[in-house]
Amino acid sequence: MAISSAQDLFKKAIVYGTFLAVAIAAVGSLVSVLTVGISGVYAALVGAAISTSFSLMTIGSVWFGSRLGLNGFYALVLGGWLIKVVLFGVVLAILQGAQNFNGPVFFFAIVAGVLGGLGIDSWLVLKARIPTVDN
């Protein structure tokens, strides 16, 4: 697994992040259907989808922002962060009164997605051999 360019790094982060989402959805659904019932399955699937989509939004904003100047990069990344905060608030407001939805399972799916995404990103950056200085 030789990562020699930023493009390779971003592509692998997207692929591994997608695999993580499928794993969280599968394991979360299996464990929650055995413990809390079908309401946990819905929560696990929604939690995996939200954490993965937000992670992919971050990867995409950094990827596209790397092609811009420094001000454009910061505007894109911080604007994406602001959009994610607002969207997360909207999702929480919608789900607050939802029937057949297990809050703790949702929480653990989100936490697993965030920590798993951070682990994948850190591992990929540590394995990458990308020069930091241009000639």
Protein backbone atom coordinates (compact mmCIF):
# COMPACT_ATOMS: atom_id res chain seq x y z
CA MET A 1 0.00 0.00 0.00
CA ALA A 2 2.21 2.77 -1.26
CA ILE A 3 0.53 6.15 -1.06
CA SER A 4 2.71 8.51 -3.03
CA SER A 5 0.34 11.35 -3.88
CA ALA A 6 -2.40 13.34 -2.21
CA GLN A 7 -4.90 12.02 -4.77
CA ASP A 8 -4.14 8.43 -3.72
CA LEU A 9 -4.49 9.41 -0.07
CA PHE A 10 -7.93 10.96 -0.56
CA LYS A 11 -9.15 8.06 -2.70
CA LYS A 12 -8.08 5.50 -0.11
CA ALA A 13 -9.67 7.56 2.67
CA ILE A 14 -12.97 7.55 0.79
CA VAL A 15 -12.81 3.80 0.10
CA TYR A 16 -11.88 2.87 3.68
CA GLY A 17 -14.44 5.29 5.08
CA THR A 18 -17.12 3.60 3.01
CA PHE A 19 -16.03 0.19 4.28
CA LEU A 20 -16.18 1.56 7.82
CA ALA A 21 -19.75 2.75 7.26
CA VAL A 22 -20.83 -0.66 6.02
CA ALA A 23 -19.15 -2.34 9.00
CA ILE A 24 -20.77 0.03 11.51
CA ALA A 25 -24.17 -0.42 9.88
CA ALA A 26 -23.85 -4.23 9.85
CA VAL A 27 -22.43 -4.69 13.34
CA GLY A 28 -24.64 -2.00 14.85
CA SER A 29 -27.74 -3.48 13.26
CA LEU A 30 -26.89 -7.00 14.36
CA VAL A 31 -26.09 -6.06 17.96
CA SER A 32 -29.04 -3.72 18.30
CA VAL A 33 -31.61 -6.11 16.83
CA LEU A 34 -30.49 -8.67 19.40
CA THR A 35 -30.55 -6.22 22.32
CA VAL A 36 -33.16 -3.49 21.72
CA GLY A 37 -35.08 -4.59 18.65
CA ILE A 38 -35.85 -2.99 15.31
CA SER A 39 -35.67 0.55 16.70
CA GLY A 40 -31.95 0.00 17.22
CA VAL A 41 -31.49 -1.10 13.63
CA TYR A 42 -32.95 2.15 12.36
CA ALA A 43 -30.75 4.12 14.73
CA ALA A 44 -27.60 2.20 13.75
CA LEU A 45 -28.25 2.72 10.05
CA VAL A 46 -28.98 6.43 10.44
CA GLY A 47 -25.95 6.92 12.69
CA ALA A 48 -23.65 5.14 10.27
CA ALA A 49 -25.02 7.13 7.34
CA ILE A 50 -24.66 10.48 9.08
CA SER A 51 -21.16 9.89 10.43
CA THR A 52 -19.97 8.60 7.06
CA SER A 53 -21.53 11.38 5.04
CA PHE A 54 -20.00 13.99 7.32
CA SER A 55 -16.61 12.28 7.13
CA LEU A 56 -16.84 12.17 3.34
CA MET A 57 -17.81 15.85 3.31
CA THR A 58 -14.65 16.64 5.27
CA ILE A 59 -12.47 14.58 2.94
CA GLY A 60 -14.07 16.22 -0.08
CA SER A 61 -13.69 19.75 1.26
CA VAL A 62 -10.01 19.22 2.04
CA TRP A 63 -9.45 17.52 -1.32
CA PHE A 64 -11.09 20.30 -3.33
CA GLY A 65 -9.72 22.98 -1.03
CA SER A 66 -6.17 21.79 -1.65
CA ARG A 67 -6.52 23.03 -5.23
CA LEU A 68 -7.34 26.56 -4.02
CA GLY A 69 -5.25 29.23 -2.42
CA LEU A 70 -4.90 29.38 1.34
CA ASN A 71 -7.90 31.68 1.84
CA GLY A 72 -10.06 29.50 -0.40
CA PHE A 73 -8.93 26.40 1.44
CA TYR A 74 -9.88 27.80 4.82
CA ALA A 75 -13.18 29.16 3.50
CA LEU A 76 -14.13 25.80 2.02
CA VAL A 77 -13.11 23.72 5.03
CA LEU A 78 -14.62 26.04 7.64
CA GLY A 79 -17.74 26.57 5.53
CA GLY A 80 -18.14 22.80 5.27
CA TRP A 81 -17.73 22.52 9.02
CA LEU A 82 -20.44 25.13 9.57
CA ILE A 83 -22.78 23.33 7.15
CA LYS A 84 -22.19 20.06 9.00
CA VAL A 85 -22.98 21.65 12.38
CA VAL A 86 -26.23 23.11 11.07
CA LEU A 87 -27.21 19.85 9.32
CA PHE A 88 -26.48 17.85 12.45
CA GLY A 89 -28.68 20.18 14.47
CA VAL A 90 -31.48 19.78 11.93
CA VAL A 91 -31.14 15.99 11.98
CA LEU A 92 -31.24 15.94 15.79
CA ALA A 93 -34.32 18.16 15.80
CA ILE A 94 -36.06 15.85 13.33
CA LEU A 95 -35.12 12.71 15.22
CA GLN A 96 -35.97 14.05 18.67
CA GLY A 97 -39.62 13.03 18.55
CA ALA A 98 -39.19 10.01 16.28
CA GLN A 99 -41.00 6.82 17.18
CA ASN A 100 -39.17 3.48 16.89
CA PHE A 101 -35.77 5.11 17.19
CA ASN A 102 -33.20 4.23 19.85
CA GLY A 103 -31.11 7.20 20.94
CA PRO A 104 -28.23 5.34 22.64
CA VAL A 105 -27.66 3.14 19.59
CA PHE A 106 -27.62 6.26 17.41
CA PHE A 107 -25.09 7.87 19.74
CA PHE A 108 -22.77 4.86 19.70
CA ALA A 109 -23.00 4.55 15.91
CA ILE A 110 -22.03 8.22 15.54
CA VAL A 111 -19.15 7.85 18.01
CA ALA A 112 -17.92 4.68 16.27
CA GLY A 113 -18.03 6.46 12.92
CA VAL A 114 -16.15 9.52 14.16
CA LEU A 115 -13.46 7.55 16.01
CA GLY A 116 -13.15 5.03 13.19
CA GLY A 117 -12.83 7.81 10.62
CA LEU A 118 -10.15 9.55 12.68
CA GLY A 119 -8.30 6.26 13.04
CA ILE A 120 -8.43 5.57 9.30
CA ASP A 121 -7.31 9.09 8.41
CA SER A 122 -4.44 8.98 10.92
CA TRP A 123 -3.30 5.56 9.75
CA LEU A 124 -3.35 6.61 6.09
CA VAL A 125 -1.39 9.78 6.75
CA LEU A 126 1.21 7.84 8.74
CA LYS A 127 1.57 5.29 5.92
CA ALA A 128 1.77 7.93 3.17
CA ARG A 129 5.08 8.88 1.63
CA ILE A 130 4.17 12.23 0.12
CA PRO A 131 6.90 14.85 -0.25
CA THR A 132 6.12 18.08 1.54
CA VAL A 133 8.48 20.29 -0.46
CA ASP A 134 8.24 20.95 -4.19
CA ASN A 135 11.34 21.52 -6.29
